[in-house]
Amino acid sequence: MQFWIFLQILCLHGYRQSGDVFKQKLGALRKALKKHAELVFVTAPNKILSAEDTLPSSEDAQNDGMICRVTVNTE
């Protein structure tokens, strides 16, 4: 049995940057990883849940994007 894993990797930009700028800077890395992973870029500020907040439903998480998703394909 043969299988492969496709990753989605969350890329967080640094201070005084945006997701778009960081995406441009990592263009060569995105191209090199194209067959193995998708780099997902977000722009701050991002809401951090407090202890009082409820976690989003799986449907909401799917619409908002996920931090990590691994897909395994068996052929």
N, C-alpha and C. Protein backbone atom coordinates (compact mmCIF):
# COMPACT_ATOMS: atom_id res chain seq x y z
N MET A 1 0.83 -1.17 0.00
CA MET A 1 0.00 0.00 0.00
C MET A 1 0.89 1.25 0.00
N GLN A 2 0.55 2.19 -0.83
CA GLN A 2 1.32 3.42 -0.95
C GLN A 2 0.42 4.58 -0.56
N PHE A 3 0.96 5.53 0.17
CA PHE A 3 0.17 6.70 0.54
C PHE A 3 1.06 7.93 0.55
N TRP A 4 0.41 9.08 0.44
CA TRP A 4 1.14 10.34 0.51
C TRP A 4 0.36 11.29 1.42
N ILE A 5 1.06 12.24 1.99
CA ILE A 5 0.46 13.22 2.89
C ILE A 5 0.63 14.60 2.30
N PHE A 6 -0.46 15.36 2.24
CA PHE A 6 -0.42 16.74 1.78
C PHE A 6 -0.70 17.64 2.98
N LEU A 7 0.18 18.57 3.26
CA LEU A 7 0.07 19.42 4.44
C LEU A 7 -0.42 20.81 4.09
N GLN A 8 -1.10 21.43 5.03
CA GLN A 8 -1.36 22.86 4.99
C GLN A 8 -0.57 23.44 6.16
N ILE A 9 0.32 24.37 5.88
CA ILE A 9 1.20 24.94 6.90
C ILE A 9 0.82 26.39 7.12
N LEU A 10 0.53 26.73 8.38
CA LEU A 10 0.18 28.09 8.74
C LEU A 10 1.45 28.93 8.84
N CYS A 11 1.51 30.04 8.09
CA CYS A 11 2.67 30.93 8.09
C CYS A 11 2.26 32.25 8.71
N LEU A 12 2.86 32.59 9.83
CA LEU A 12 2.54 33.82 10.55
C LEU A 12 3.64 34.85 10.31
N HIS A 13 3.24 36.02 9.85
CA HIS A 13 4.21 37.07 9.55
C HIS A 13 4.72 37.70 10.83
N GLY A 14 5.81 38.43 10.70
CA GLY A 14 6.41 39.11 11.83
C GLY A 14 5.89 40.53 11.98
N TYR A 15 6.49 41.24 12.88
CA TYR A 15 6.13 42.61 13.19
C TYR A 15 6.31 43.50 11.96
N ARG A 16 5.35 44.37 11.70
CA ARG A 16 5.37 45.33 10.60
C ARG A 16 5.36 44.67 9.22
N GLN A 17 4.71 43.51 9.13
CA GLN A 17 4.52 42.83 7.86
C GLN A 17 3.06 42.49 7.71
N SER A 18 2.71 41.93 6.59
CA SER A 18 1.37 41.41 6.38
C SER A 18 1.49 40.01 5.79
N GLY A 19 0.39 39.31 5.74
CA GLY A 19 0.39 37.99 5.13
C GLY A 19 0.81 38.04 3.68
N ASP A 20 0.35 39.08 2.96
CA ASP A 20 0.70 39.20 1.53
C ASP A 20 2.19 39.43 1.31
N VAL A 21 2.79 40.28 2.14
CA VAL A 21 4.22 40.56 2.01
C VAL A 21 5.03 39.29 2.33
N PHE A 22 4.63 38.60 3.39
CA PHE A 22 5.32 37.37 3.78
C PHE A 22 5.18 36.31 2.69
N LYS A 23 4.02 36.23 2.07
CA LYS A 23 3.78 35.28 0.98
C LYS A 23 4.73 35.55 -0.18
N GLN A 24 4.91 36.82 -0.52
CA GLN A 24 5.82 37.18 -1.61
C GLN A 24 7.26 36.80 -1.26
N LYS A 25 7.66 37.02 -0.01
CA LYS A 25 9.02 36.71 0.40
C LYS A 25 9.31 35.21 0.36
N LEU A 26 8.28 34.39 0.55
CA LEU A 26 8.47 32.95 0.56
C LEU A 26 8.07 32.29 -0.76
N GLY A 27 8.07 33.05 -1.83
CA GLY A 27 7.66 32.55 -3.14
C GLY A 27 8.44 31.33 -3.59
N ALA A 28 9.76 31.34 -3.42
CA ALA A 28 10.58 30.20 -3.84
C ALA A 28 10.28 28.96 -3.01
N LEU A 29 10.04 29.15 -1.72
CA LEU A 29 9.70 28.02 -0.85
C LEU A 29 8.33 27.45 -1.22
N ARG A 30 7.36 28.33 -1.50
CA ARG A 30 6.03 27.87 -1.93
C ARG A 30 6.14 27.01 -3.19
N LYS A 31 6.96 27.46 -4.13
CA LYS A 31 7.13 26.74 -5.39
C LYS A 31 7.78 25.37 -5.15
N ALA A 32 8.77 25.34 -4.27
CA ALA A 32 9.47 24.08 -3.98
C ALA A 32 8.57 23.07 -3.26
N LEU A 33 7.64 23.57 -2.46
CA LEU A 33 6.76 22.68 -1.69
C LEU A 33 5.42 22.43 -2.35
N LYS A 34 5.21 22.96 -3.54
CA LYS A 34 3.90 22.93 -4.19
C LYS A 34 3.27 21.54 -4.23
N LYS A 35 4.05 20.51 -4.47
CA LYS A 35 3.51 19.16 -4.59
C LYS A 35 3.28 18.49 -3.23
N HIS A 36 3.82 19.08 -2.16
CA HIS A 36 3.78 18.43 -0.85
C HIS A 36 2.98 19.20 0.19
N ALA A 37 2.89 20.52 0.04
CA ALA A 37 2.24 21.32 1.07
C ALA A 37 1.72 22.63 0.50
N GLU A 38 0.69 23.13 1.17
CA GLU A 38 0.16 24.46 0.86
C GLU A 38 0.50 25.37 2.03
N LEU A 39 1.13 26.49 1.75
CA LEU A 39 1.42 27.47 2.79
C LEU A 39 0.23 28.41 2.89
N VAL A 40 -0.31 28.55 4.10
CA VAL A 40 -1.48 29.39 4.35
C VAL A 40 -1.02 30.63 5.10
N PHE A 41 -1.28 31.80 4.54
CA PHE A 41 -0.83 33.07 5.11
C PHE A 41 -2.02 33.84 5.65
N VAL A 42 -1.88 34.37 6.85
CA VAL A 42 -2.92 35.20 7.45
C VAL A 42 -2.29 36.54 7.84
N THR A 43 -3.12 37.54 7.98
CA THR A 43 -2.65 38.86 8.39
C THR A 43 -3.24 39.21 9.75
N ALA A 44 -2.40 39.64 10.67
CA ALA A 44 -2.83 40.03 12.01
C ALA A 44 -3.66 41.31 11.93
N PRO A 45 -4.46 41.67 12.89
CA PRO A 45 -4.64 40.93 14.14
C PRO A 45 -5.59 39.76 13.96
N ASN A 46 -5.31 38.70 14.70
CA ASN A 46 -6.14 37.50 14.68
C ASN A 46 -6.73 37.30 16.07
N LYS A 47 -8.00 36.99 16.13
CA LYS A 47 -8.68 36.84 17.40
C LYS A 47 -8.18 35.58 18.10
N ILE A 48 -7.81 35.74 19.36
CA ILE A 48 -7.41 34.62 20.20
C ILE A 48 -8.54 34.37 21.19
N LEU A 49 -9.00 33.13 21.26
CA LEU A 49 -10.10 32.81 22.16
C LEU A 49 -9.63 32.83 23.60
N SER A 50 -10.47 33.42 24.47
CA SER A 50 -10.19 33.38 25.90
C SER A 50 -10.83 32.13 26.48
N ALA A 51 -10.61 31.89 27.76
CA ALA A 51 -11.18 30.71 28.40
C ALA A 51 -12.70 30.75 28.40
N GLU A 52 -13.29 31.94 28.37
CA GLU A 52 -14.74 32.08 28.40
C GLU A 52 -15.38 31.87 27.03
N ASP A 53 -14.60 32.04 25.97
CA ASP A 53 -15.13 31.87 24.62
C ASP A 53 -15.36 30.40 24.32
N THR A 54 -16.32 30.14 23.47
CA THR A 54 -16.55 28.76 23.05
C THR A 54 -15.78 28.50 21.76
N LEU A 55 -15.40 27.27 21.57
CA LEU A 55 -14.71 26.90 20.34
C LEU A 55 -15.70 26.92 19.19
N PRO A 56 -15.26 27.30 18.00
CA PRO A 56 -16.17 27.30 16.84
C PRO A 56 -16.56 25.88 16.47
N SER A 57 -17.73 25.76 15.86
CA SER A 57 -18.14 24.45 15.36
C SER A 57 -17.21 24.03 14.24
N SER A 58 -17.25 22.77 13.89
CA SER A 58 -16.36 22.29 12.82
C SER A 58 -16.69 22.98 11.50
N GLU A 59 -17.97 23.33 11.29
CA GLU A 59 -18.35 24.03 10.07
C GLU A 59 -17.75 25.44 10.05
N ASP A 60 -17.79 26.14 11.20
CA ASP A 60 -17.18 27.47 11.27
C ASP A 60 -15.68 27.39 11.06
N ALA A 61 -15.04 26.41 11.66
CA ALA A 61 -13.60 26.25 11.51
C ALA A 61 -13.23 26.00 10.06
N GLN A 62 -14.07 25.24 9.36
CA GLN A 62 -13.79 24.95 7.96
C GLN A 62 -13.91 26.22 7.13
N ASN A 63 -14.86 27.08 7.44
CA ASN A 63 -15.04 28.32 6.69
C ASN A 63 -13.95 29.33 7.01
N ASP A 64 -13.47 29.35 8.25
CA ASP A 64 -12.45 30.32 8.67
C ASP A 64 -11.04 29.85 8.37
N GLY A 65 -10.87 28.61 8.04
CA GLY A 65 -9.54 28.06 7.82
C GLY A 65 -9.09 27.32 9.06
N MET A 66 -8.24 26.36 8.86
CA MET A 66 -7.75 25.56 9.96
C MET A 66 -6.26 25.79 10.12
N ILE A 67 -5.78 25.60 11.33
CA ILE A 67 -4.36 25.79 11.58
C ILE A 67 -3.56 24.69 10.92
N CYS A 68 -4.01 23.47 11.00
CA CYS A 68 -3.27 22.38 10.39
C CYS A 68 -4.25 21.36 9.84
N ARG A 69 -4.05 20.96 8.65
CA ARG A 69 -4.87 19.91 8.04
C ARG A 69 -3.94 18.95 7.33
N VAL A 70 -4.11 17.68 7.60
CA VAL A 70 -3.31 16.64 6.96
C VAL A 70 -4.25 15.75 6.17
N THR A 71 -3.96 15.54 4.91
CA THR A 71 -4.75 14.67 4.07
C THR A 71 -3.90 13.46 3.69
N VAL A 72 -4.43 12.28 3.96
CA VAL A 72 -3.72 11.05 3.62
C VAL A 72 -4.47 10.39 2.47
N ASN A 73 -3.76 10.08 1.41
CA ASN A 73 -4.35 9.45 0.24
C ASN A 73 -3.69 8.09 0.05
N THR A 74 -4.49 7.05 0.05
CA THR A 74 -3.94 5.71 -0.19
C THR A 74 -4.31 5.28 -1.59
N GLU A 75 -3.36 4.76 -2.30
CA GLU A 75 -3.59 4.31 -3.67
C GLU A 75 -3.17 2.88 -3.84
